[in-house]
C-alpha cells in the first residue's frame, strides 16, 4: 500500500506529460488542464490504495477515459448551444481572450545562445503541430509509447485494443511524422 507522499510524488512527476497529452487531444489549454485535473482526482479517489506500480497504467487509462468523456460532453453541449442560440439576441460580443501557450520545455540550467534556444523552440513547435495533426488513435498510441515510455502491452491495455493495433498505430504515426517533418526541412 502506497503513502500519500508517494501518490503526490507520482502525480507531480506525470503532470507535465499528461497535460501535453491532453492538450494534443482536446486542443484547448483550459480543457486540457481540466482533463488532467479530473484524471488525477479520479486516480487519487479510487486507486490511491493500489500499489504504486499500478498507477502509471491506471492513470493512462483514466486519462484516456476523461478525454473521451470531454468529447462526449462537448458534443452534447454543442448540440444544445446550437439549438438555444437561435433564441439568443445576435448582438452579444465575444469577450474571450486568446489562449496562451504554456512553456512545455523544462530548463536544464545550461547556457545556450539565443539562436540555439529559438531554433530548438521552433523545432519543438513544429513537431507538436505535426503530432497534433495525427489521427486520434495514432496520436494516442504514439504519445503513450514514445512520450510516456509505456511498453506495447501497457499501451494496448490503456487504449483498450490489441498489441498489434498499437504497433500499427505507432508505425503509421512515426512514418507520417517523419514525412511531415522532412517536408518542413527537419531531419532527426
N, C-alpha and C. Protein backbone atom coordinates (compact mmCIF):
# COMPACT_ATOMS: atom_id res chain seq x y z
N UNK A 1 0.84 -1.18 0.00
CA UNK A 1 0.00 0.00 0.00
C UNK A 1 0.89 1.25 0.00
N UNK A 2 0.57 2.19 -0.86
CA UNK A 2 1.38 3.38 -1.04
C UNK A 2 0.92 4.50 -0.10
N UNK A 3 1.84 5.40 0.20
CA UNK A 3 1.52 6.52 1.08
C UNK A 3 1.04 7.72 0.26
N UNK A 4 0.52 8.71 0.97
CA UNK A 4 0.06 9.94 0.30
C UNK A 4 1.23 10.67 -0.35
N UNK A 5 2.40 10.61 0.28
CA UNK A 5 3.57 11.27 -0.29
C UNK A 5 3.97 10.61 -1.61
N UNK A 6 3.87 9.28 -1.66
CA UNK A 6 4.20 8.58 -2.90
C UNK A 6 3.21 8.96 -4.00
N UNK A 7 1.93 9.05 -3.65
CA UNK A 7 0.93 9.45 -4.63
C UNK A 7 1.19 10.88 -5.11
N UNK A 8 1.48 11.78 -4.20
CA UNK A 8 1.78 13.16 -4.57
C UNK A 8 3.00 13.24 -5.48
N UNK A 9 4.02 12.47 -5.15
CA UNK A 9 5.24 12.46 -5.97
C UNK A 9 4.94 11.90 -7.36
N UNK A 10 4.13 10.85 -7.42
CA UNK A 10 3.77 10.27 -8.71
C UNK A 10 3.01 11.29 -9.56
N UNK A 11 2.01 11.93 -8.98
CA UNK A 11 1.22 12.91 -9.73
C UNK A 11 2.07 14.09 -10.18
N UNK A 12 2.99 14.53 -9.33
CA UNK A 12 3.87 15.63 -9.72
C UNK A 12 4.79 15.21 -10.87
N UNK A 13 5.19 13.96 -10.89
CA UNK A 13 6.11 13.50 -11.93
C UNK A 13 5.46 13.35 -13.29
N UNK A 14 4.14 13.19 -13.33
CA UNK A 14 3.47 12.97 -14.61
C UNK A 14 2.65 14.15 -15.10
N UNK A 15 2.52 15.19 -14.29
CA UNK A 15 1.59 16.27 -14.63
C UNK A 15 1.93 16.95 -15.95
N UNK A 16 3.17 17.24 -16.23
CA UNK A 16 3.55 17.96 -17.45
C UNK A 16 3.28 17.12 -18.70
N UNK A 17 3.68 15.86 -18.65
CA UNK A 17 3.44 14.98 -19.81
C UNK A 17 1.95 14.74 -20.01
N UNK A 18 1.23 14.58 -18.92
CA UNK A 18 -0.21 14.36 -19.01
C UNK A 18 -0.89 15.59 -19.61
N UNK A 19 -0.44 16.78 -19.21
CA UNK A 19 -1.02 18.00 -19.77
C UNK A 19 -0.78 18.07 -21.27
N UNK A 20 0.43 17.78 -21.70
CA UNK A 20 0.73 17.82 -23.14
C UNK A 20 -0.11 16.80 -23.89
N UNK A 21 -0.24 15.62 -23.32
CA UNK A 21 -1.04 14.58 -23.96
C UNK A 21 -2.49 15.03 -24.08
N UNK A 22 -3.03 15.61 -23.03
CA UNK A 22 -4.41 16.09 -23.07
C UNK A 22 -4.54 17.28 -24.03
N UNK A 23 -3.55 18.15 -24.05
CA UNK A 23 -3.58 19.30 -24.95
C UNK A 23 -3.59 18.85 -26.41
N UNK A 24 -2.80 17.84 -26.74
CA UNK A 24 -2.82 17.31 -28.10
C UNK A 24 -4.18 16.74 -28.45
N UNK A 25 -4.83 16.14 -27.48
CA UNK A 25 -6.12 15.51 -27.75
C UNK A 25 -7.27 16.51 -27.85
N UNK A 26 -7.35 17.43 -26.90
CA UNK A 26 -8.51 18.34 -26.85
C UNK A 26 -8.25 19.68 -27.53
N UNK A 27 -7.00 20.02 -27.74
CA UNK A 27 -6.59 21.25 -28.45
C UNK A 27 -7.14 22.52 -27.81
N UNK A 28 -7.25 22.50 -26.51
CA UNK A 28 -7.71 23.67 -25.76
C UNK A 28 -7.01 23.61 -24.41
N UNK A 29 -6.24 24.65 -24.11
CA UNK A 29 -5.42 24.65 -22.92
C UNK A 29 -6.23 24.50 -21.63
N UNK A 30 -7.31 25.28 -21.52
CA UNK A 30 -8.13 25.21 -20.31
C UNK A 30 -8.79 23.84 -20.16
N UNK A 31 -9.30 23.32 -21.27
CA UNK A 31 -9.93 21.99 -21.22
C UNK A 31 -8.89 20.92 -20.87
N UNK A 32 -7.68 21.06 -21.41
CA UNK A 32 -6.62 20.09 -21.11
C UNK A 32 -6.28 20.10 -19.62
N UNK A 33 -6.21 21.29 -19.04
CA UNK A 33 -5.94 21.39 -17.60
C UNK A 33 -7.05 20.71 -16.80
N UNK A 34 -8.29 20.95 -17.21
CA UNK A 34 -9.43 20.31 -16.54
C UNK A 34 -9.38 18.79 -16.66
N UNK A 35 -9.04 18.31 -17.86
CA UNK A 35 -8.97 16.87 -18.10
C UNK A 35 -7.92 16.24 -17.19
N UNK A 36 -6.75 16.83 -17.12
CA UNK A 36 -5.67 16.28 -16.29
C UNK A 36 -6.06 16.33 -14.82
N UNK A 37 -6.65 17.44 -14.40
CA UNK A 37 -7.07 17.54 -13.00
C UNK A 37 -8.11 16.47 -12.67
N UNK A 38 -9.08 16.27 -13.55
CA UNK A 38 -10.10 15.25 -13.32
C UNK A 38 -9.47 13.86 -13.24
N UNK A 39 -8.54 13.57 -14.14
CA UNK A 39 -7.89 12.26 -14.15
C UNK A 39 -7.09 12.04 -12.86
N UNK A 40 -6.39 13.07 -12.42
CA UNK A 40 -5.61 12.95 -11.19
C UNK A 40 -6.52 12.75 -9.97
N UNK A 41 -7.62 13.48 -9.96
CA UNK A 41 -8.56 13.33 -8.85
C UNK A 41 -9.16 11.92 -8.82
N UNK A 42 -9.51 11.40 -9.97
CA UNK A 42 -10.08 10.06 -10.03
C UNK A 42 -9.07 9.01 -9.57
N UNK A 43 -7.82 9.17 -9.98
CA UNK A 43 -6.79 8.23 -9.53
C UNK A 43 -6.65 8.31 -8.01
N UNK A 44 -6.59 9.53 -7.48
CA UNK A 44 -6.42 9.70 -6.03
C UNK A 44 -7.62 9.18 -5.25
N UNK A 45 -8.82 9.41 -5.78
CA UNK A 45 -10.03 8.99 -5.06
C UNK A 45 -10.25 7.48 -5.10
N UNK A 46 -10.02 6.88 -6.25
CA UNK A 46 -10.40 5.48 -6.42
C UNK A 46 -9.27 4.48 -6.35
N UNK A 47 -8.03 4.93 -6.60
CA UNK A 47 -6.95 3.96 -6.71
C UNK A 47 -5.74 4.28 -5.84
N UNK A 48 -5.88 5.19 -4.89
CA UNK A 48 -4.76 5.55 -4.02
C UNK A 48 -4.29 4.36 -3.19
N UNK A 49 -5.18 3.43 -2.92
CA UNK A 49 -4.84 2.26 -2.12
C UNK A 49 -4.11 1.18 -2.93
N UNK A 50 -4.14 1.28 -4.25
CA UNK A 50 -3.46 0.29 -5.09
C UNK A 50 -1.95 0.46 -4.96
N UNK A 51 -1.20 -0.59 -5.28
CA UNK A 51 0.26 -0.48 -5.26
C UNK A 51 0.74 0.58 -6.24
N UNK A 52 1.80 1.28 -5.89
CA UNK A 52 2.32 2.38 -6.70
C UNK A 52 2.71 1.91 -8.11
N UNK A 53 3.10 0.68 -8.27
CA UNK A 53 3.48 0.16 -9.58
C UNK A 53 2.32 0.09 -10.56
N UNK A 54 1.10 0.06 -10.05
CA UNK A 54 -0.08 0.01 -10.92
C UNK A 54 -0.54 1.39 -11.37
N UNK A 55 -0.10 2.45 -10.72
CA UNK A 55 -0.58 3.79 -11.01
C UNK A 55 -0.34 4.27 -12.44
N UNK A 56 0.85 4.04 -13.03
CA UNK A 56 1.04 4.56 -14.39
C UNK A 56 0.00 4.03 -15.38
N UNK A 57 -0.28 2.75 -15.34
CA UNK A 57 -1.25 2.18 -16.26
C UNK A 57 -2.66 2.66 -15.93
N UNK A 58 -2.99 2.68 -14.65
CA UNK A 58 -4.30 3.16 -14.24
C UNK A 58 -4.50 4.60 -14.67
N UNK A 59 -3.48 5.42 -14.45
CA UNK A 59 -3.61 6.83 -14.80
C UNK A 59 -3.80 7.01 -16.30
N UNK A 60 -3.04 6.26 -17.10
CA UNK A 60 -3.20 6.38 -18.56
C UNK A 60 -4.61 6.02 -19.00
N UNK A 61 -5.14 4.96 -18.44
CA UNK A 61 -6.50 4.55 -18.80
C UNK A 61 -7.52 5.59 -18.34
N UNK A 62 -7.35 6.10 -17.13
CA UNK A 62 -8.25 7.13 -16.62
C UNK A 62 -8.16 8.38 -17.49
N UNK A 63 -6.94 8.80 -17.85
CA UNK A 63 -6.76 9.99 -18.67
C UNK A 63 -7.46 9.82 -20.02
N UNK A 64 -7.31 8.67 -20.64
CA UNK A 64 -7.98 8.44 -21.93
C UNK A 64 -9.50 8.47 -21.77
N UNK A 65 -10.00 7.88 -20.70
CA UNK A 65 -11.45 7.90 -20.47
C UNK A 65 -11.96 9.32 -20.22
N UNK A 66 -11.21 10.12 -19.49
CA UNK A 66 -11.62 11.50 -19.22
C UNK A 66 -11.60 12.31 -20.52
N UNK A 67 -10.62 12.06 -21.39
CA UNK A 67 -10.58 12.74 -22.68
C UNK A 67 -11.81 12.36 -23.51
N UNK A 68 -12.14 11.07 -23.54
CA UNK A 68 -13.33 10.63 -24.28
C UNK A 68 -14.59 11.26 -23.68
N UNK A 69 -14.67 11.32 -22.35
CA UNK A 69 -15.81 11.96 -21.69
C UNK A 69 -15.91 13.44 -22.07
N UNK A 70 -14.77 14.10 -22.16
CA UNK A 70 -14.74 15.52 -22.55
C UNK A 70 -15.40 15.70 -23.92
N UNK A 71 -15.03 14.85 -24.86
CA UNK A 71 -15.60 14.97 -26.20
C UNK A 71 -17.10 14.64 -26.22
N UNK A 72 -17.51 13.68 -25.41
CA UNK A 72 -18.94 13.37 -25.32
C UNK A 72 -19.72 14.56 -24.77
N UNK A 73 -19.22 15.14 -23.69
CA UNK A 73 -19.88 16.31 -23.10
C UNK A 73 -19.89 17.49 -24.08
N UNK A 74 -18.78 17.67 -24.77
CA UNK A 74 -18.67 18.76 -25.73
C UNK A 74 -19.69 18.59 -26.86
N UNK A 75 -19.88 17.37 -27.30
CA UNK A 75 -20.85 17.10 -28.36
C UNK A 75 -22.26 17.46 -27.91
N UNK A 76 -22.63 17.05 -26.71
CA UNK A 76 -23.95 17.37 -26.18
C UNK A 76 -24.08 18.87 -25.96
N UNK A 77 -23.06 19.49 -25.39
CA UNK A 77 -23.09 20.93 -25.14
C UNK A 77 -23.23 21.70 -26.45
N UNK A 78 -22.50 21.28 -27.48
CA UNK A 78 -22.60 21.96 -28.78
C UNK A 78 -23.99 21.82 -29.39
N UNK A 79 -24.60 20.67 -29.21
CA UNK A 79 -25.95 20.46 -29.72
C UNK A 79 -26.92 21.43 -29.06
N UNK A 80 -26.88 21.51 -27.73
CA UNK A 80 -27.80 22.40 -27.03
C UNK A 80 -27.47 23.86 -27.27
N UNK A 81 -26.21 24.19 -27.38
CA UNK A 81 -25.83 25.57 -27.67
C UNK A 81 -26.36 25.99 -29.03
N UNK A 82 -26.24 25.10 -30.00
CA UNK A 82 -26.75 25.40 -31.34
C UNK A 82 -28.26 25.58 -31.32
N UNK A 83 -28.93 24.69 -30.64
CA UNK A 83 -30.39 24.78 -30.58
C UNK A 83 -30.86 26.04 -29.86
N UNK A 84 -30.20 26.37 -28.76
CA UNK A 84 -30.62 27.52 -27.96
C UNK A 84 -30.11 28.85 -28.52
N UNK A 85 -29.08 28.82 -29.35
CA UNK A 85 -28.53 30.07 -29.88
C UNK A 85 -29.51 30.77 -30.81
N UNK A 86 -30.44 30.04 -31.38
CA UNK A 86 -31.43 30.67 -32.25
C UNK A 86 -32.38 31.56 -31.43
N UNK A 87 -32.43 31.34 -30.13
CA UNK A 87 -33.29 32.15 -29.26
C UNK A 87 -32.57 33.37 -28.70
N UNK A 88 -31.23 33.37 -28.77
CA UNK A 88 -30.44 34.45 -28.18
C UNK A 88 -30.36 35.64 -29.14
N UNK A 89 -30.25 36.86 -28.59
CA UNK A 89 -30.07 38.03 -29.46
C UNK A 89 -28.72 37.97 -30.17
N UNK A 90 -28.64 38.52 -31.35
CA UNK A 90 -27.43 38.44 -32.19
C UNK A 90 -26.39 39.51 -31.87
N UNK A 91 -26.62 40.41 -30.93
CA UNK A 91 -25.69 41.50 -30.68
C UNK A 91 -24.73 41.26 -29.52
N UNK A 92 -24.59 40.01 -29.09
CA UNK A 92 -23.67 39.72 -27.99
C UNK A 92 -22.23 39.77 -28.49
N UNK A 93 -21.35 40.34 -27.68
CA UNK A 93 -19.92 40.39 -28.02
C UNK A 93 -19.21 39.18 -27.46
N UNK A 94 -18.19 38.75 -28.19
CA UNK A 94 -17.39 37.62 -27.73
C UNK A 94 -16.14 38.17 -27.06
N UNK A 95 -16.10 38.13 -25.72
CA UNK A 95 -15.01 38.74 -24.97
C UNK A 95 -13.91 37.75 -24.57
N UNK A 96 -13.88 36.58 -25.16
CA UNK A 96 -12.88 35.59 -24.77
C UNK A 96 -11.48 36.03 -25.18
N UNK A 97 -10.54 35.81 -24.30
CA UNK A 97 -9.14 36.10 -24.60
C UNK A 97 -8.53 34.93 -25.35
N UNK A 98 -7.57 35.18 -26.22
CA UNK A 98 -6.90 34.07 -26.89
C UNK A 98 -6.10 33.25 -25.87
N UNK A 99 -5.98 31.98 -26.19
CA UNK A 99 -5.25 31.08 -25.28
C UNK A 99 -3.76 31.42 -25.29
N UNK A 100 -3.17 31.32 -24.14
CA UNK A 100 -1.73 31.48 -24.03
C UNK A 100 -1.12 30.09 -23.97
N UNK A 101 0.02 29.94 -24.61
CA UNK A 101 0.67 28.64 -24.65
C UNK A 101 1.66 28.55 -23.50
N UNK A 102 1.56 27.45 -22.76
CA UNK A 102 2.50 27.24 -21.65
C UNK A 102 3.86 26.83 -22.18
N UNK A 103 4.87 27.19 -21.46
CA UNK A 103 6.21 26.75 -21.82
C UNK A 103 6.33 25.29 -21.45
N UNK A 104 6.40 24.43 -22.44
CA UNK A 104 6.38 22.99 -22.21
C UNK A 104 7.76 22.44 -21.92
N UNK A 105 8.78 23.18 -22.24
CA UNK A 105 10.12 22.66 -22.03
C UNK A 105 10.64 23.07 -20.66
N UNK A 106 11.20 22.14 -19.94
CA UNK A 106 11.86 22.48 -18.68
C UNK A 106 13.25 22.99 -18.99
N UNK A 107 13.73 23.92 -18.23
CA UNK A 107 15.07 24.45 -18.48
C UNK A 107 16.09 23.58 -17.76
N UNK A 108 17.13 23.21 -18.48
CA UNK A 108 18.13 22.29 -17.96
C UNK A 108 19.26 23.01 -17.23
N UNK A 109 19.18 24.31 -17.17
CA UNK A 109 20.21 25.05 -16.46
C UNK A 109 21.46 25.26 -17.29
N UNK A 110 21.43 24.92 -18.57
CA UNK A 110 22.58 25.09 -19.43
C UNK A 110 22.47 26.42 -20.15
N UNK A 111 23.58 27.10 -20.29
CA UNK A 111 23.59 28.35 -21.01
C UNK A 111 23.59 28.05 -22.50
N UNK A 112 22.63 28.62 -23.20
CA UNK A 112 22.54 28.42 -24.64
C UNK A 112 22.46 29.78 -25.29
N UNK A 113 22.91 29.83 -26.51
CA UNK A 113 22.78 31.08 -27.23
C UNK A 113 21.32 31.30 -27.55
N UNK A 114 20.95 32.53 -27.74
CA UNK A 114 19.56 32.86 -28.05
C UNK A 114 19.14 32.21 -29.36
N UNK A 115 20.05 32.12 -30.30
CA UNK A 115 19.75 31.49 -31.59
C UNK A 115 19.46 30.01 -31.44
N UNK A 116 20.26 29.31 -30.65
CA UNK A 116 20.06 27.88 -30.43
C UNK A 116 18.75 27.62 -29.71
N UNK A 117 18.48 28.43 -28.71
CA UNK A 117 17.23 28.26 -27.96
C UNK A 117 16.02 28.55 -28.84
N UNK A 118 16.10 29.59 -29.66
CA UNK A 118 15.00 29.92 -30.57
C UNK A 118 14.80 28.82 -31.60
N UNK A 119 15.89 28.28 -32.11
CA UNK A 119 15.80 27.20 -33.10
C UNK A 119 15.16 25.96 -32.47
N UNK A 120 15.57 25.62 -31.27
CA UNK A 120 15.00 24.46 -30.58
C UNK A 120 13.51 24.67 -30.31
N UNK A 121 13.14 25.87 -29.89
CA UNK A 121 11.73 26.16 -29.63
C UNK A 121 10.92 26.07 -30.92
N UNK A 122 11.49 26.53 -32.02
CA UNK A 122 10.78 26.47 -33.30
C UNK A 122 10.60 25.02 -33.75
N UNK A 123 11.63 24.21 -33.60
CA UNK A 123 11.54 22.80 -33.97
C UNK A 123 10.52 22.09 -33.09
N UNK A 124 10.53 22.37 -31.78
CA UNK A 124 9.55 21.75 -30.89
C UNK A 124 8.13 22.16 -31.27
N UNK A 125 7.92 23.40 -31.63
CA UNK A 125 6.61 23.87 -32.05
C UNK A 125 6.16 23.13 -33.31
N UNK A 126 7.05 22.95 -34.26
CA UNK A 126 6.72 22.24 -35.50
C UNK A 126 6.38 20.79 -35.20
N UNK A 127 7.19 20.14 -34.36
CA UNK A 127 6.92 18.74 -34.00
C UNK A 127 5.56 18.63 -33.32
N UNK A 128 5.27 19.52 -32.38
CA UNK A 128 3.99 19.49 -31.69
C UNK A 128 2.83 19.71 -32.65
N UNK A 129 3.00 20.60 -33.63
CA UNK A 129 1.96 20.81 -34.63
C UNK A 129 1.70 19.53 -35.42
N UNK A 130 2.78 18.86 -35.81
CA UNK A 130 2.63 17.64 -36.61
C UNK A 130 2.04 16.50 -35.78
N UNK A 131 2.41 16.41 -34.51
CA UNK A 131 1.81 15.39 -33.64
C UNK A 131 0.31 15.67 -33.48
N UNK A 132 -0.03 16.93 -33.34
CA UNK A 132 -1.45 17.30 -33.20
C UNK A 132 -2.26 16.97 -34.44
N UNK A 133 -1.62 16.92 -35.60
CA UNK A 133 -2.33 16.61 -36.86
C UNK A 133 -2.55 15.11 -37.06
N UNK A 134 -1.90 14.29 -36.27
CA UNK A 134 -2.08 12.84 -36.41
C UNK A 134 -3.52 12.46 -36.10
N UNK A 135 -4.03 11.39 -36.72
CA UNK A 135 -5.34 10.88 -36.31
C UNK A 135 -5.32 10.52 -34.82
N UNK A 136 -6.46 10.60 -34.18
CA UNK A 136 -6.55 10.47 -32.72
C UNK A 136 -5.91 9.18 -32.19
N UNK A 137 -6.22 8.04 -32.77
CA UNK A 137 -5.68 6.78 -32.26
C UNK A 137 -4.17 6.68 -32.47
N UNK A 138 -3.68 7.18 -33.61
CA UNK A 138 -2.24 7.18 -33.85
C UNK A 138 -1.54 8.09 -32.85
N UNK A 139 -2.11 9.28 -32.62
CA UNK A 139 -1.53 10.22 -31.67
C UNK A 139 -1.51 9.61 -30.27
N UNK A 140 -2.61 8.99 -29.89
CA UNK A 140 -2.73 8.37 -28.57
C UNK A 140 -1.66 7.29 -28.38
N UNK A 141 -1.53 6.40 -29.36
CA UNK A 141 -0.53 5.32 -29.27
C UNK A 141 0.88 5.89 -29.27
N UNK A 142 1.14 6.84 -30.14
CA UNK A 142 2.47 7.44 -30.25
C UNK A 142 2.88 8.10 -28.93
N UNK A 143 1.98 8.89 -28.35
CA UNK A 143 2.31 9.59 -27.11
C UNK A 143 2.53 8.62 -25.95
N UNK A 144 1.71 7.58 -25.87
CA UNK A 144 1.89 6.62 -24.78
C UNK A 144 3.20 5.85 -24.92
N UNK A 145 3.49 5.42 -26.15
CA UNK A 145 4.70 4.61 -26.36
C UNK A 145 5.98 5.43 -26.23
N UNK A 146 6.01 6.59 -26.89
CA UNK A 146 7.27 7.32 -27.00
C UNK A 146 7.38 8.52 -26.09
N UNK A 147 6.30 8.98 -25.53
CA UNK A 147 6.36 10.10 -24.60
C UNK A 147 6.24 9.59 -23.17
N UNK A 148 5.27 8.72 -22.95
CA UNK A 148 5.06 8.18 -21.62
C UNK A 148 5.94 6.96 -21.34
N UNK A 149 6.63 6.46 -22.36
CA UNK A 149 7.53 5.30 -22.24
C UNK A 149 6.81 4.04 -21.77
N UNK A 150 5.57 3.86 -22.21
CA UNK A 150 4.86 2.63 -21.89
C UNK A 150 5.25 1.58 -22.92
N UNK A 151 5.27 0.31 -22.50
CA UNK A 151 5.56 -0.73 -23.48
C UNK A 151 4.29 -1.04 -24.28
N UNK A 152 4.43 -1.93 -25.26
CA UNK A 152 3.32 -2.23 -26.16
C UNK A 152 2.12 -2.79 -25.40
N UNK A 153 2.37 -3.71 -24.47
CA UNK A 153 1.28 -4.32 -23.71
C UNK A 153 0.56 -3.29 -22.84
N UNK A 154 1.32 -2.43 -22.18
CA UNK A 154 0.71 -1.40 -21.34
C UNK A 154 -0.12 -0.42 -22.18
N UNK A 155 0.41 -0.05 -23.34
CA UNK A 155 -0.30 0.86 -24.22
C UNK A 155 -1.59 0.22 -24.73
N UNK A 156 -1.51 -1.05 -25.11
CA UNK A 156 -2.70 -1.77 -25.59
C UNK A 156 -3.76 -1.82 -24.49
N UNK A 157 -3.33 -2.09 -23.28
CA UNK A 157 -4.26 -2.14 -22.16
C UNK A 157 -4.91 -0.78 -21.92
N UNK A 158 -4.10 0.27 -21.95
CA UNK A 158 -4.62 1.62 -21.71
C UNK A 158 -5.56 2.07 -22.82
N UNK A 159 -5.28 1.67 -24.06
CA UNK A 159 -6.11 2.08 -25.20
C UNK A 159 -7.30 1.15 -25.42
N UNK A 160 -7.28 -0.01 -24.78
CA UNK A 160 -8.37 -0.95 -24.96
C UNK A 160 -8.35 -1.61 -26.33
N UNK A 161 -7.15 -1.92 -26.82
CA UNK A 161 -7.04 -2.56 -28.13
C UNK A 161 -5.94 -3.63 -28.07
N UNK A 162 -5.68 -4.29 -29.19
CA UNK A 162 -4.67 -5.35 -29.22
C UNK A 162 -3.27 -4.74 -29.35
N UNK A 163 -2.27 -5.54 -29.02
CA UNK A 163 -0.88 -5.10 -29.16
C UNK A 163 -0.55 -4.84 -30.62
N UNK A 164 -1.11 -5.64 -31.51
CA UNK A 164 -0.89 -5.44 -32.94
C UNK A 164 -1.42 -4.09 -33.41
N UNK A 165 -2.56 -3.68 -32.86
CA UNK A 165 -3.12 -2.37 -33.22
C UNK A 165 -2.20 -1.25 -32.74
N UNK A 166 -1.65 -1.41 -31.56
CA UNK A 166 -0.72 -0.40 -31.04
C UNK A 166 0.48 -0.29 -31.96
N UNK A 167 1.05 -1.42 -32.36
CA UNK A 167 2.21 -1.41 -33.25
C UNK A 167 1.88 -0.75 -34.59
N UNK A 168 0.69 -1.05 -35.11
CA UNK A 168 0.26 -0.45 -36.38
C UNK A 168 0.09 1.05 -36.24
N UNK A 169 -0.59 1.49 -35.18
CA UNK A 169 -0.80 2.92 -34.96
C UNK A 169 0.53 3.65 -34.80
N UNK A 170 1.44 3.06 -34.03
CA UNK A 170 2.75 3.70 -33.81
C UNK A 170 3.56 3.76 -35.10
N UNK A 171 3.53 2.69 -35.87
CA UNK A 171 4.27 2.67 -37.13
C UNK A 171 3.74 3.74 -38.08
N UNK A 172 2.44 3.80 -38.20
CA UNK A 172 1.84 4.80 -39.09
C UNK A 172 2.15 6.22 -38.60
N UNK A 173 2.08 6.40 -37.30
CA UNK A 173 2.36 7.73 -36.73
C UNK A 173 3.80 8.15 -37.00
N UNK A 174 4.75 7.25 -36.77
CA UNK A 174 6.16 7.62 -36.97
C UNK A 174 6.46 7.89 -38.44
N UNK A 175 5.87 7.09 -39.35
CA UNK A 175 6.08 7.33 -40.77
C UNK A 175 5.47 8.67 -41.21
N UNK A 176 4.27 8.95 -40.71
CA UNK A 176 3.60 10.21 -41.04
C UNK A 176 4.39 11.39 -40.50
N UNK A 177 4.85 11.29 -39.25
CA UNK A 177 5.64 12.37 -38.65
C UNK A 177 6.95 12.58 -39.39
N UNK A 178 7.63 11.49 -39.72
CA UNK A 178 8.91 11.61 -40.42
C UNK A 178 8.73 12.31 -41.76
N UNK A 179 7.70 11.92 -42.49
CA UNK A 179 7.45 12.54 -43.80
C UNK A 179 7.07 14.02 -43.65
N UNK A 180 6.23 14.31 -42.67
CA UNK A 180 5.80 15.70 -42.46
C UNK A 180 6.97 16.58 -42.04
N UNK A 181 7.83 16.07 -41.16
CA UNK A 181 8.97 16.85 -40.71
C UNK A 181 10.00 17.03 -41.83
N UNK A 182 10.19 15.99 -42.62
CA UNK A 182 11.12 16.08 -43.75
C UNK A 182 10.61 17.12 -44.75
N UNK A 183 9.29 17.15 -44.98
CA UNK A 183 8.71 18.13 -45.89
C UNK A 183 8.90 19.55 -45.38
N UNK A 184 9.04 19.70 -44.07
CA UNK A 184 9.24 21.02 -43.47
C UNK A 184 10.70 21.32 -43.23
N UNK A 185 11.59 20.46 -43.75
CA UNK A 185 13.02 20.70 -43.67
C UNK A 185 13.69 20.28 -42.38
N UNK A 186 13.06 19.40 -41.64
CA UNK A 186 13.63 18.94 -40.37
C UNK A 186 13.99 17.46 -40.51
N UNK A 187 15.27 17.15 -40.29
CA UNK A 187 15.68 15.76 -40.27
C UNK A 187 16.20 15.43 -38.90
N UNK A 188 15.66 14.37 -38.33
CA UNK A 188 16.02 13.99 -36.95
C UNK A 188 16.99 12.85 -36.95
